[in-house]
Amino acid sequence: MKNILFYFLIPFFFTYLLVPILKKIGYKRKIFDQPESRKQKNIRMIRIGGASFFIAYMLSTALIFIDSNINNFFSIDPILIKVIFLGSIGYYLIGLTDDLWKVSPFIRLIFQFILGILIWKIGFRIYPPDLQILTFVIKESFILEITSIILTSFWICSVVNAFNWLDGLDGLATGCSIIFLFYFVLIGFQEGNSQLIALCIPLLFSLMAFWKYNFYPSEIFMGDGGSYFIGFCMSILSIVASNASDNNFAIDQISFKSIFLPILILSVPTIDMLKVIIFRIYKRYSPFFPDRGHLHHQILNLGFSEKITVIIIYFLCLIVGKIALWLSGFYL
């Protein structure tokens, strides 16, 4: 029992203690987020804060490998642990590379999709509806596997970038992620899914500790490394949450319908991303072209302060998430 308590609490305290250290490292190494006309901050901010909750979550996840008592207590699928552990490292490093050296968004997207394919190979696989209509062209199994690779990579990359774009105001991505994880934990308790609880609570506690430093006025940014890491975790944990009541759920046999609840719960960042992409293409800009067309920018343009804008989006996430769970049969 002590080990389990330690497993839950270490992410919070580790994150809380690590942020001040990262601030010192950031100032010493001059790892700043440079002010731009489209950004709210007109001062330089340390942008490697995501390392705090990333390292904290990785430590708690590593305990599952090390301590068999924790693993047995929560009955966590070893494939799922491997997916989260390796995928988190991969997506965090892609984002961190951009934080340190500025990488083209197109190059980052390529690496995101490559990593998505590797995640599929490890065992996280979303399968499409039956495609028997195409069996006259090519073997059905081949079509299913290729389509599954595309679907899985597309889902992960979409959520990763949605959370990266959500991180536009102090505490916005952090607070919204806390809300989503809170709903996932409630689903876990309602359905008796200890696996979901074990994977969500450490990340929830880590982000709660980071939120103290990141909410307006923020002392540090999570950076692309942090937002990519959170986005990846959300892409996986939301699928696990949507199947919490299914005793036969297998991480390598995810049905296409399983993504509908995650799409609904995460609709604030995902719909905002889709809207921005469509608007940019309509204006004949690159989808990667940075602008002030996001939801938080539009609320700011109505005259609300940055702090109130963030709180408005928090409430929007709470309401949309509650409606999504109600429509899916989770009466929390």
C-alpha atoms as a PDB file:
ATOM      1  CA  MET A   1       0.000   0.000   0.000  1.00  0.00           C
ATOM      2  CA  LYS A   2       2.900   2.362   0.751  1.00  0.00           C
ATOM      3  CA  ASN A   3       4.306   1.718  -2.726  1.00  0.00           C
ATOM      4  CA  ILE A   4       0.966   2.569  -4.322  1.00  0.00           C
ATOM      5  CA  LEU A   5       0.703   5.815  -2.343  1.00  0.00           C
ATOM      6  CA  PHE A   6       4.254   6.653  -3.372  1.00  0.00           C
ATOM      7  CA  TYR A   7       3.334   5.891  -6.988  1.00  0.00           C
ATOM      8  CA  PHE A   8       0.524   8.464  -6.889  1.00  0.00           C
ATOM      9  CA  LEU A   9       2.268  11.177  -4.857  1.00  0.00           C
ATOM     10  CA  ILE A  10       5.769  11.226  -6.360  1.00  0.00           C
ATOM     11  CA  PRO A  11       4.648  12.940  -9.610  1.00  0.00           C
ATOM     12  CA  PHE A  12       3.108  15.890  -7.738  1.00  0.00           C
ATOM     13  CA  PHE A  13       6.043  16.606  -5.449  1.00  0.00           C
ATOM     14  CA  PHE A  14       8.653  15.844  -8.097  1.00  0.00           C
ATOM     15  CA  THR A  15       7.036  18.263 -10.552  1.00  0.00           C
ATOM     16  CA  TYR A  16       6.593  20.929  -7.891  1.00  0.00           C
ATOM     17  CA  LEU A  17      10.273  20.746  -6.889  1.00  0.00           C
ATOM     18  CA  LEU A  18      11.661  20.395 -10.405  1.00  0.00           C
ATOM     19  CA  VAL A  19      10.093  23.527 -11.946  1.00  0.00           C
ATOM     20  CA  PRO A  20      12.297  26.016 -10.018  1.00  0.00           C
ATOM     21  CA  ILE A  21      15.369  24.010 -11.078  1.00  0.00           C
ATOM     22  CA  LEU A  22      14.260  24.119 -14.718  1.00  0.00           C
ATOM     23  CA  LYS A  23      13.780  27.886 -14.448  1.00  0.00           C
ATOM     24  CA  LYS A  24      17.401  28.279 -13.347  1.00  0.00           C
ATOM     25  CA  ILE A  25      18.614  26.003 -16.147  1.00  0.00           C
ATOM     26  CA  GLY A  26      16.490  27.912 -18.677  1.00  0.00           C
ATOM     27  CA  TYR A  27      17.879  31.283 -17.653  1.00  0.00           C
ATOM     28  CA  LYS A  28      21.430  29.977 -17.620  1.00  0.00           C
ATOM     29  CA  ARG A  29      21.118  28.338 -21.050  1.00  0.00           C
ATOM     30  CA  LYS A  30      18.877  31.116 -22.432  1.00  0.00           C
ATOM     31  CA  ILE A  31      16.100  28.717 -23.442  1.00  0.00           C
ATOM     32  CA  PHE A  32      13.396  31.314 -23.989  1.00  0.00           C
ATOM     33  CA  ASP A  33      10.125  31.531 -25.870  1.00  0.00           C
ATOM     34  CA  GLN A  34      10.653  34.640 -27.953  1.00  0.00           C
ATOM     35  CA  PRO A  35       7.841  37.257 -28.015  1.00  0.00           C
ATOM     36  CA  GLU A  36       5.898  37.599 -31.285  1.00  0.00           C
ATOM     37  CA  SER A  37       3.046  39.828 -32.427  1.00  0.00           C
ATOM     38  CA  ARG A  38       0.522  36.943 -32.329  1.00  0.00           C
ATOM     39  CA  LYS A  39       1.511  35.904 -28.781  1.00  0.00           C
ATOM     40  CA  GLN A  40       0.157  37.366 -25.558  1.00  0.00           C
ATOM     41  CA  LYS A  41       3.469  37.557 -23.741  1.00  0.00           C
ATOM     42  CA  ASN A  42       5.764  40.416 -24.669  1.00  0.00           C
ATOM     43  CA  ILE A  43       8.529  39.181 -22.389  1.00  0.00           C
ATOM     44  CA  ARG A  44      10.866  36.223 -22.708  1.00  0.00           C
ATOM     45  CA  MET A  45       9.718  33.091 -20.854  1.00  0.00           C
ATOM     46  CA  ILE A  46      11.480  29.819 -20.088  1.00  0.00           C
ATOM     47  CA  ARG A  47       9.974  27.187 -22.388  1.00  0.00           C
ATOM     48  CA  ILE A  48      11.195  23.850 -20.991  1.00  0.00           C
ATOM     49  CA  GLY A  49       8.708  23.547 -18.118  1.00  0.00           C
ATOM     50  CA  GLY A  50       7.181  20.438 -19.672  1.00  0.00           C
ATOM     51  CA  ALA A  51      10.270  18.500 -18.612  1.00  0.00           C
ATOM     52  CA  SER A  52       9.011  18.644 -15.008  1.00  0.00           C
ATOM     53  CA  PHE A  53       5.794  16.678 -15.479  1.00  0.00           C
ATOM     54  CA  PHE A  54       7.270  14.563 -18.273  1.00  0.00           C
ATOM     55  CA  ILE A  55      10.078  13.264 -16.039  1.00  0.00           C
ATOM     56  CA  ALA A  56       7.715  12.880 -13.065  1.00  0.00           C
ATOM     57  CA  TYR A  57       5.245  10.799 -15.111  1.00  0.00           C
ATOM     58  CA  MET A  58       8.001   8.698 -16.617  1.00  0.00           C
ATOM     59  CA  LEU A  59       9.316   7.909 -13.129  1.00  0.00           C
ATOM     60  CA  SER A  60       5.889   6.817 -11.921  1.00  0.00           C
ATOM     61  CA  THR A  61       5.372   4.734 -15.070  1.00  0.00           C
ATOM     62  CA  ALA A  62       8.811   3.141 -14.614  1.00  0.00           C
ATOM     63  CA  LEU A  63       7.700   1.995 -11.143  1.00  0.00           C
ATOM     64  CA  ILE A  64       5.184  -0.293 -12.855  1.00  0.00           C
ATOM     65  CA  PHE A  65       8.069  -2.081 -14.572  1.00  0.00           C
ATOM     66  CA  ILE A  66      10.159  -2.207 -11.395  1.00  0.00           C
ATOM     67  CA  ASP A  67       7.535  -3.036  -8.765  1.00  0.00           C
ATOM     68  CA  SER A  68       5.477  -6.112  -9.590  1.00  0.00           C
ATOM     69  CA  ASN A  69       3.138  -5.368  -6.646  1.00  0.00           C
ATOM     70  CA  ILE A  70       1.985  -2.137  -8.305  1.00  0.00           C
ATOM     71  CA  ASN A  71       1.558  -3.872 -11.652  1.00  0.00           C
ATOM     72  CA  ASN A  72      -0.418  -6.740 -10.123  1.00  0.00           C
ATOM     73  CA  PHE A  73      -2.575  -4.394  -8.037  1.00  0.00           C
ATOM     74  CA  PHE A  74      -3.717  -2.351 -11.033  1.00  0.00           C
ATOM     75  CA  SER A  75      -3.607  -5.160 -13.640  1.00  0.00           C
ATOM     76  CA  ILE A  76      -2.118  -2.926 -16.319  1.00  0.00           C
ATOM     77  CA  ASP A  77      -1.749  -4.262 -19.845  1.00  0.00           C
ATOM     78  CA  PRO A  78       2.033  -4.542 -20.511  1.00  0.00           C
ATOM     79  CA  ILE A  79       1.526  -3.464 -24.135  1.00  0.00           C
ATOM     80  CA  LEU A  80      -0.294  -0.329 -22.977  1.00  0.00           C
ATOM     81  CA  ILE A  81       2.525   0.546 -20.567  1.00  0.00           C
ATOM     82  CA  LYS A  82       5.080   0.064 -23.329  1.00  0.00           C
ATOM     83  CA  VAL A  83       3.053   2.247 -25.714  1.00  0.00           C
ATOM     84  CA  ILE A  84       2.720   5.079 -23.190  1.00  0.00           C
ATOM     85  CA  PHE A  85       6.325   4.889 -21.991  1.00  0.00           C
ATOM     86  CA  LEU A  86       8.032   4.764 -25.396  1.00  0.00           C
ATOM     87  CA  GLY A  87       5.537   7.020 -27.157  1.00  0.00           C
ATOM     88  CA  SER A  88       5.796   9.676 -24.444  1.00  0.00           C
ATOM     89  CA  ILE A  89       9.561   9.755 -24.757  1.00  0.00           C
ATOM     90  CA  GLY A  90       9.389   9.974 -28.546  1.00  0.00           C
ATOM     91  CA  TYR A  91       6.828  12.778 -28.784  1.00  0.00           C
ATOM     92  CA  TYR A  92       8.427  14.722 -25.950  1.00  0.00           C
ATOM     93  CA  LEU A  93      11.802  14.623 -27.714  1.00  0.00           C
ATOM     94  CA  ILE A  94      10.263  15.845 -30.989  1.00  0.00           C
ATOM     95  CA  GLY A  95       8.785  18.827 -29.160  1.00  0.00           C
ATOM     96  CA  LEU A  96      11.918  19.448 -27.103  1.00  0.00           C
ATOM     97  CA  THR A  97      13.995  19.545 -30.274  1.00  0.00           C
ATOM     98  CA  ASP A  98      11.821  22.400 -31.506  1.00  0.00           C
ATOM     99  CA  ASP A  99      12.078  24.159 -28.132  1.00  0.00           C
ATOM    100  CA  LEU A 100      15.859  24.093 -28.333  1.00  0.00           C
ATOM    101  CA  TRP A 101      16.629  24.515 -32.048  1.00  0.00           C
ATOM    102  CA  LYS A 102      13.426  25.500 -33.914  1.00  0.00           C
ATOM    103  CA  VAL A 103      12.458  22.786 -36.381  1.00  0.00           C
ATOM    104  CA  SER A 104      10.175  23.244 -39.402  1.00  0.00           C
ATOM    105  CA  PRO A 105       6.557  22.262 -38.558  1.00  0.00           C
ATOM    106  CA  PHE A 106       6.504  20.093 -41.688  1.00  0.00           C
ATOM    107  CA  ILE A 107       9.567  18.143 -40.519  1.00  0.00           C
ATOM    108  CA  ARG A 108       8.033  17.750 -37.063  1.00  0.00           C
ATOM    109  CA  LEU A 109       4.809  16.423 -38.613  1.00  0.00           C
ATOM    110  CA  ILE A 110       6.752  13.839 -40.617  1.00  0.00           C
ATOM    111  CA  PHE A 111       8.480  12.583 -37.484  1.00  0.00           C
ATOM    112  CA  GLN A 112       5.160  12.559 -35.632  1.00  0.00           C
ATOM    113  CA  PHE A 113       3.660  10.266 -38.274  1.00  0.00           C
ATOM    114  CA  ILE A 114       6.723   8.021 -38.298  1.00  0.00           C
ATOM    115  CA  LEU A 115       6.479   7.702 -34.531  1.00  0.00           C
ATOM    116  CA  GLY A 116       2.744   7.024 -34.882  1.00  0.00           C
ATOM    117  CA  ILE A 117       3.587   4.086 -37.153  1.00  0.00           C
ATOM    118  CA  LEU A 118       6.038   2.775 -34.549  1.00  0.00           C
ATOM    119  CA  ILE A 119       3.337   3.083 -31.878  1.00  0.00           C
ATOM    120  CA  TRP A 120       1.067   1.001 -34.131  1.00  0.00           C
ATOM    121  CA  LYS A 121       3.860  -1.556 -34.464  1.00  0.00           C
ATOM    122  CA  ILE A 122       4.222  -1.752 -30.674  1.00  0.00           C
ATOM    123  CA  GLY A 123       0.552  -2.592 -30.328  1.00  0.00           C
ATOM    124  CA  PHE A 124      -1.769   0.456 -30.197  1.00  0.00           C
ATOM    125  CA  ARG A 125      -4.036  -0.092 -33.215  1.00  0.00           C
ATOM    126  CA  ILE A 126      -7.286   1.532 -34.297  1.00  0.00           C
ATOM    127  CA  TYR A 127      -9.120  -0.510 -36.924  1.00  0.00           C
ATOM    128  CA  PRO A 128     -11.580   0.858 -39.494  1.00  0.00           C
ATOM    129  CA  PRO A 129     -15.081  -0.453 -40.234  1.00  0.00           C
ATOM    130  CA  ASP A 130     -15.329  -3.579 -42.393  1.00  0.00           C
ATOM    131  CA  LEU A 131     -13.888  -2.923 -45.873  1.00  0.00           C
ATOM    132  CA  GLN A 132     -15.139  -6.047 -47.657  1.00  0.00           C
ATOM    133  CA  ILE A 133     -16.170  -3.899 -50.623  1.00  0.00           C
ATOM    134  CA  LEU A 134     -12.492  -3.563 -51.572  1.00  0.00           C
ATOM    135  CA  THR A 135     -11.545  -7.232 -51.398  1.00  0.00           C
ATOM    136  CA  PHE A 136     -11.693  -7.552 -55.192  1.00  0.00           C
ATOM    137  CA  VAL A 137      -8.742  -5.127 -55.439  1.00  0.00           C
ATOM    138  CA  ILE A 138      -6.460  -6.456 -52.744  1.00  0.00           C
ATOM    139  CA  LYS A 139      -6.621  -8.830 -49.820  1.00  0.00           C
ATOM    140  CA  GLU A 140      -8.861  -7.562 -47.046  1.00  0.00           C
ATOM    141  CA  SER A 141      -6.269  -8.142 -44.323  1.00  0.00           C
ATOM    142  CA  PHE A 142      -3.772  -5.970 -46.185  1.00  0.00           C
ATOM    143  CA  ILE A 143      -6.322  -3.161 -46.574  1.00  0.00           C
ATOM    144  CA  LEU A 144      -7.225  -3.353 -42.901  1.00  0.00           C
ATOM    145  CA  GLU A 145      -3.618  -3.211 -41.739  1.00  0.00           C
ATOM    146  CA  ILE A 146      -2.686  -0.259 -43.969  1.00  0.00           C
ATOM    147  CA  THR A 147      -5.867   1.622 -43.072  1.00  0.00           C
ATOM    148  CA  SER A 148      -5.273   0.886 -39.391  1.00  0.00           C
ATOM    149  CA  ILE A 149      -1.754   2.333 -39.596  1.00  0.00           C
ATOM    150  CA  ILE A 150      -3.094   5.506 -41.244  1.00  0.00           C
ATOM    151  CA  LEU A 151      -5.991   5.857 -38.794  1.00  0.00           C
ATOM    152  CA  THR A 152      -3.820   5.277 -35.736  1.00  0.00           C
ATOM    153  CA  SER A 153      -1.085   7.686 -36.827  1.00  0.00           C
ATOM    154  CA  PHE A 154      -3.635  10.302 -37.891  1.00  0.00           C
ATOM    155  CA  TRP A 155      -5.497  10.086 -34.563  1.00  0.00           C
ATOM    156  CA  ILE A 156      -2.343  10.422 -32.456  1.00  0.00           C
ATOM    157  CA  CYS A 157      -0.879  13.262 -34.554  1.00  0.00           C
ATOM    158  CA  SER A 158      -4.202  15.144 -34.582  1.00  0.00           C
ATOM    159  CA  VAL A 159      -4.515  15.118 -30.797  1.00  0.00           C
ATOM    160  CA  VAL A 160      -0.817  15.937 -30.317  1.00  0.00           C
ATOM    161  CA  ASN A 161      -1.088  19.031 -32.511  1.00  0.00           C
ATOM    162  CA  ALA A 162      -4.464  20.040 -31.074  1.00  0.00           C
ATOM    163  CA  PHE A 163      -2.905  20.277 -27.609  1.00  0.00           C
ATOM    164  CA  ASN A 164       0.168  21.999 -28.990  1.00  0.00           C
ATOM    165  CA  TRP A 165      -2.055  24.714 -30.483  1.00  0.00           C
ATOM    166  CA  LEU A 166      -4.170  24.847 -27.314  1.00  0.00           C
ATOM    167  CA  ASP A 167      -1.089  25.978 -25.394  1.00  0.00           C
ATOM    168  CA  GLY A 168      -1.541  29.634 -26.329  1.00  0.00           C
ATOM    169  CA  LEU A 169      -2.360  31.311 -23.010  1.00  0.00           C
ATOM    170  CA  ASP A 170      -1.067  30.968 -19.464  1.00  0.00           C
ATOM    171  CA  GLY A 171      -2.366  27.755 -17.932  1.00  0.00           C
ATOM    172  CA  LEU A 172      -4.771  26.975 -20.780  1.00  0.00           C
ATOM    173  CA  ALA A 173      -3.443  23.615 -21.988  1.00  0.00           C
ATOM    174  CA  THR A 174      -2.493  22.600 -18.439  1.00  0.00           C
ATOM    175  CA  GLY A 175      -5.901  23.385 -16.956  1.00  0.00           C
ATOM    176  CA  CYS A 176      -7.884  21.813 -19.814  1.00  0.00           C
ATOM    177  CA  SER A 177      -5.776  18.648 -19.543  1.00  0.00           C
ATOM    178  CA  ILE A 178      -6.476  18.496 -15.801  1.00  0.00           C
ATOM    179  CA  ILE A 179     -10.212  18.668 -16.560  1.00  0.00           C
ATOM    180  CA  PHE A 180     -10.017  15.889 -19.166  1.00  0.00           C
ATOM    181  CA  LEU A 181      -7.955  13.660 -16.869  1.00  0.00           C
ATOM    182  CA  PHE A 182     -10.395  14.302 -14.025  1.00  0.00           C
ATOM    183  CA  TYR A 183     -13.213  12.979 -16.211  1.00  0.00           C
ATOM    184  CA  PHE A 184     -11.122   9.939 -17.197  1.00  0.00           C
ATOM    185  CA  VAL A 185     -10.427   9.156 -13.525  1.00  0.00           C
ATOM    186  CA  LEU A 186     -14.152   9.433 -12.700  1.00  0.00           C
ATOM    187  CA  ILE A 187     -14.912   6.995 -15.531  1.00  0.00           C
ATOM    188  CA  GLY A 188     -12.269   4.653 -14.124  1.00  0.00           C
ATOM    189  CA  PHE A 189     -13.858   4.695 -10.658  1.00  0.00           C
ATOM    190  CA  GLN A 190     -17.379   4.320 -12.029  1.00  0.00           C
ATOM    191  CA  GLU A 191     -16.441   1.345 -14.173  1.00  0.00           C
ATOM    192  CA  GLY A 192     -13.967  -0.160 -11.695  1.00  0.00           C
ATOM    193  CA  ASN A 193     -11.186   0.168 -14.256  1.00  0.00           C
ATOM    194  CA  SER A 194      -8.031   0.240 -12.105  1.00  0.00           C
ATOM    195  CA  GLN A 195      -5.794   0.387 -15.183  1.00  0.00           C
ATOM    196  CA  LEU A 196      -7.281   3.718 -16.266  1.00  0.00           C
ATOM    197  CA  ILE A 197      -7.050   5.132 -12.736  1.00  0.00           C
ATOM    198  CA  ALA A 198      -3.408   4.075 -12.390  1.00  0.00           C
ATOM    199  CA  LEU A 199      -2.385   5.731 -15.653  1.00  0.00           C
ATOM    200  CA  CYS A 200      -4.357   8.961 -15.236  1.00  0.00           C
ATOM    201  CA  ILE A 201      -3.832   9.974 -11.596  1.00  0.00           C
ATOM    202  CA  PRO A 202      -0.011  10.380 -11.743  1.00  0.00           C
ATOM    203  CA  LEU A 203      -0.319  12.640 -14.809  1.00  0.00           C
ATOM    204  CA  LEU A 204      -3.227  14.503 -13.206  1.00  0.00           C
ATOM    205  CA  PHE A 205      -1.184  15.196 -10.063  1.00  0.00           C
ATOM    206  CA  SER A 206       1.862  16.223 -12.102  1.00  0.00           C
ATOM    207  CA  LEU A 207      -0.136  18.762 -14.074  1.00  0.00           C
ATOM    208  CA  MET A 208      -1.793  20.099 -10.928  1.00  0.00           C
ATOM    209  CA  ALA A 209       1.659  20.856  -9.517  1.00  0.00           C
ATOM    210  CA  PHE A 210       2.771  22.468 -12.784  1.00  0.00           C
ATOM    211  CA  TRP A 211      -0.443  24.518 -13.011  1.00  0.00           C
ATOM    212  CA  LYS A 212       0.654  26.462  -9.922  1.00  0.00           C
ATOM    213  CA  TYR A 213       3.603  27.854 -11.942  1.00  0.00           C
ATOM    214  CA  ASN A 214       1.854  28.004 -15.301  1.00  0.00           C
ATOM    215  CA  PHE A 215      -1.456  29.735 -14.548  1.00  0.00           C
ATOM    216  CA  TYR A 216      -1.721  33.478 -15.145  1.00  0.00           C
ATOM    217  CA  PRO A 217       0.645  35.169 -14.651  1.00  0.00           C
ATOM    218  CA  SER A 218       2.853  32.239 -15.571  1.00  0.00           C
ATOM    219  CA  GLU A 219       6.433  31.791 -14.410  1.00  0.00           C
ATOM    220  CA  ILE A 220       7.329  29.189 -17.028  1.00  0.00           C
ATOM    221  CA  PHE A 221       5.948  27.638 -20.261  1.00  0.00           C
ATOM    222  CA  MET A 222       5.613  23.915 -20.901  1.00  0.00           C
ATOM    223  CA  GLY A 223       7.010  24.324 -24.423  1.00  0.00           C
ATOM    224  CA  ASP A 224       6.360  22.090 -27.410  1.00  0.00           C
ATOM    225  CA  GLY A 225       7.936  19.188 -25.545  1.00  0.00           C
ATOM    226  CA  GLY A 226       5.326  19.454 -22.815  1.00  0.00           C
ATOM    227  CA  SER A 227       2.343  19.976 -25.120  1.00  0.00           C
ATOM    228  CA  TYR A 228       3.378  17.127 -27.443  1.00  0.00           C
ATOM    229  CA  PHE A 229       3.759  14.813 -24.450  1.00  0.00           C
ATOM    230  CA  ILE A 230       0.352  15.767 -23.035  1.00  0.00           C
ATOM    231  CA  GLY A 231      -1.291  15.442 -26.454  1.00  0.00           C
ATOM    232  CA  PHE A 232       0.125  11.970 -26.942  1.00  0.00           C
ATOM    233  CA  CYS A 233      -1.009  10.814 -23.497  1.00  0.00           C
ATOM    234  CA  MET A 234      -4.487  12.201 -24.172  1.00  0.00           C
ATOM    235  CA  SER A 235      -4.706  10.375 -27.494  1.00  0.00           C
ATOM    236  CA  ILE A 236      -4.069   7.068 -25.710  1.00  0.00           C
ATOM    237  CA  LEU A 237      -5.830   7.593 -22.363  1.00  0.00           C
ATOM    238  CA  SER A 238      -8.999   8.937 -24.008  1.00  0.00           C
ATOM    239  CA  ILE A 239      -9.310   5.690 -25.995  1.00  0.00           C
ATOM    240  CA  VAL A 240      -8.752   3.615 -22.847  1.00  0.00           C
ATOM    241  CA  ALA A 241     -11.398   5.713 -21.040  1.00  0.00           C
ATOM    242  CA  SER A 242     -13.953   5.232 -23.812  1.00  0.00           C
ATOM    243  CA  ASN A 243     -13.547   1.448 -23.458  1.00  0.00           C
ATOM    244  CA  ALA A 244     -13.445   1.413 -19.636  1.00  0.00           C
ATOM    245  CA  SER A 245     -16.635  -0.656 -19.395  1.00  0.00           C
ATOM    246  CA  ASP A 246     -15.493  -3.258 -21.943  1.00  0.00           C
ATOM    247  CA  ASN A 247     -13.925  -6.241 -20.196  1.00  0.00           C
ATOM    248  CA  ASN A 248     -12.761  -7.613 -23.543  1.00  0.00           C
ATOM    249  CA  PHE A 249     -10.998  -4.412 -24.612  1.00  0.00           C
ATOM    250  CA  ALA A 250      -7.638  -5.062 -26.289  1.00  0.00           C
ATOM    251  CA  ILE A 251      -5.208  -2.234 -27.007  1.00  0.00           C
ATOM    252  CA  ASP A 252      -4.215  -3.825 -30.322  1.00  0.00           C
ATOM    253  CA  GLN A 253      -7.808  -4.339 -31.515  1.00  0.00           C
ATOM    254  CA  ILE A 254      -9.445  -0.934 -31.062  1.00  0.00           C
ATOM    255  CA  SER A 255     -12.683  -0.485 -32.985  1.00  0.00           C
ATOM    256  CA  PHE A 256     -13.270   2.639 -35.065  1.00  0.00           C
ATOM    257  CA  LYS A 257     -16.275   3.625 -32.951  1.00  0.00           C
ATOM    258  CA  SER A 258     -13.990   3.925 -29.911  1.00  0.00           C
ATOM    259  CA  ILE A 259     -12.703   7.297 -31.080  1.00  0.00           C
ATOM    260  CA  PHE A 260     -16.115   9.002 -30.969  1.00  0.00           C
ATOM    261  CA  LEU A 261     -16.187   9.577 -27.196  1.00  0.00           C
ATOM    262  CA  PRO A 262     -12.602  10.921 -27.179  1.00  0.00           C
ATOM    263  CA  ILE A 263     -13.482  13.247 -30.072  1.00  0.00           C
ATOM    264  CA  LEU A 264     -16.462  14.555 -28.066  1.00  0.00           C
ATOM    265  CA  ILE A 265     -14.570  14.972 -24.779  1.00  0.00           C
ATOM    266  CA  LEU A 266     -11.589  16.594 -26.486  1.00  0.00           C
ATOM    267  CA  SER A 267     -13.754  18.587 -28.890  1.00  0.00           C
ATOM    268  CA  VAL A 268     -12.655  22.016 -27.611  1.00  0.00           C
ATOM    269  CA  PRO A 269      -9.020  21.620 -28.770  1.00  0.00           C
ATOM    270  CA  THR A 270      -9.724  19.278 -31.706  1.00  0.00           C
ATOM    271  CA  ILE A 271     -12.550  21.307 -33.279  1.00  0.00           C
ATOM    272  CA  ASP A 272     -10.566  24.497 -32.771  1.00  0.00           C
ATOM    273  CA  MET A 273      -7.623  22.928 -34.606  1.00  0.00           C
ATOM    274  CA  LEU A 274      -9.847  21.729 -37.461  1.00  0.00           C
ATOM    275  CA  LYS A 275     -11.504  25.141 -37.769  1.00  0.00           C
ATOM    276  CA  VAL A 276      -8.149  26.931 -37.889  1.00  0.00           C
ATOM    277  CA  ILE A 277      -6.781  24.564 -40.558  1.00  0.00           C
ATOM    278  CA  ILE A 278      -9.870  24.971 -42.765  1.00  0.00           C
ATOM    279  CA  PHE A 279      -9.758  28.759 -42.362  1.00  0.00           C
ATOM    280  CA  ARG A 280      -6.056  28.896 -43.286  1.00  0.00           C
ATOM    281  CA  ILE A 281      -6.532  26.729 -46.360  1.00  0.00           C
ATOM    282  CA  TYR A 282      -9.558  28.835 -47.384  1.00  0.00           C
ATOM    283  CA  LYS A 283      -7.359  31.931 -47.121  1.00  0.00           C
ATOM    284  CA  ARG A 284      -4.739  30.105 -49.207  1.00  0.00           C
ATOM    285  CA  TYR A 285      -2.274  29.979 -46.359  1.00  0.00           C
ATOM    286  CA  SER A 286      -0.285  26.963 -45.225  1.00  0.00           C
ATOM    287  CA  PRO A 287      -2.022  24.951 -42.451  1.00  0.00           C
ATOM    288  CA  PHE A 288       1.180  25.586 -40.481  1.00  0.00           C
ATOM    289  CA  PHE A 289       0.913  29.360 -40.904  1.00  0.00           C
ATOM    290  CA  PRO A 290       0.765  30.916 -37.397  1.00  0.00           C
ATOM    291  CA  ASP A 291      -2.051  33.384 -36.820  1.00  0.00           C
ATOM    292  CA  ARG A 292      -4.516  34.619 -34.206  1.00  0.00           C
ATOM    293  CA  GLY A 293      -7.479  32.566 -35.355  1.00  0.00           C
ATOM    294  CA  HIS A 294      -7.728  30.205 -32.404  1.00  0.00           C
ATOM    295  CA  LEU A 295     -10.650  30.127 -29.984  1.00  0.00           C
ATOM    296  CA  HIS A 296      -8.682  31.848 -27.229  1.00  0.00           C
ATOM    297  CA  HIS A 297      -7.707  34.660 -29.604  1.00  0.00           C
ATOM    298  CA  GLN A 298     -11.334  35.176 -30.608  1.00  0.00           C
ATOM    299  CA  ILE A 299     -12.465  35.384 -26.979  1.00  0.00           C
ATOM    300  CA  LEU A 300      -9.662  37.855 -26.260  1.00  0.00           C
ATOM    301  CA  ASN A 301     -10.849  39.956 -29.200  1.00  0.00           C
ATOM    302  CA  LEU A 302     -14.231  40.288 -27.485  1.00  0.00           C
ATOM    303  CA  GLY A 303     -12.496  42.292 -24.772  1.00  0.00           C
ATOM    304  CA  PHE A 304     -11.956  39.652 -22.108  1.00  0.00           C
ATOM    305  CA  SER A 305      -8.687  39.535 -20.183  1.00  0.00           C
ATOM    306  CA  GLU A 306      -6.274  36.642 -20.603  1.00  0.00           C
ATOM    307  CA  LYS A 307      -7.169  35.203 -17.196  1.00  0.00           C
ATOM    308  CA  ILE A 308     -10.935  35.372 -17.805  1.00  0.00           C
ATOM    309  CA  THR A 309     -10.488  33.915 -21.304  1.00  0.00           C
ATOM    310  CA  VAL A 310      -8.710  30.891 -19.854  1.00  0.00           C
ATOM    311  CA  ILE A 311     -11.420  30.420 -17.205  1.00  0.00           C
ATOM    312  CA  ILE A 312     -14.138  30.629 -19.891  1.00  0.00           C
ATOM    313  CA  ILE A 313     -12.457  27.844 -21.869  1.00  0.00           C
ATOM    314  CA  TYR A 314     -12.080  25.788 -18.665  1.00  0.00           C
ATOM    315  CA  PHE A 315     -15.856  25.982 -18.167  1.00  0.00           C
ATOM    316  CA  LEU A 316     -16.419  25.140 -21.826  1.00  0.00           C
ATOM    317  CA  CYS A 317     -14.285  21.996 -21.432  1.00  0.00           C
ATOM    318  CA  LEU A 318     -16.196  21.044 -18.278  1.00  0.00           C
ATOM    319  CA  ILE A 319     -19.582  21.445 -19.978  1.00  0.00           C
ATOM    320  CA  VAL A 320     -18.640  19.763 -23.253  1.00  0.00           C
ATOM    321  CA  GLY A 321     -16.952  16.897 -21.399  1.00  0.00           C
ATOM    322  CA  LYS A 322     -20.005  16.358 -19.197  1.00  0.00           C
ATOM    323  CA  ILE A 323     -22.338  16.333 -22.221  1.00  0.00           C
ATOM    324  CA  ALA A 324     -20.039  13.909 -24.055  1.00  0.00           C
ATOM    325  CA  LEU A 325     -20.000  11.492 -21.122  1.00  0.00           C
ATOM    326  CA  TRP A 326     -23.786  11.746 -20.709  1.00  0.00           C
ATOM    327  CA  LEU A 327     -24.351  11.003 -24.405  1.00  0.00           C
ATOM    328  CA  SER A 328     -22.043   7.996 -24.116  1.00  0.00           C
ATOM    329  CA  GLY A 329     -23.828   6.541 -21.103  1.00  0.00           C
ATOM    330  CA  PHE A 330     -21.391   7.595 -18.371  1.00  0.00           C
ATOM    331  CA  TYR A 331     -23.605   9.235 -15.732  1.00  0.00           C
ATOM    332  CA  LEU A 332     -21.088  10.961 -13.484  1.00  0.00           C
END
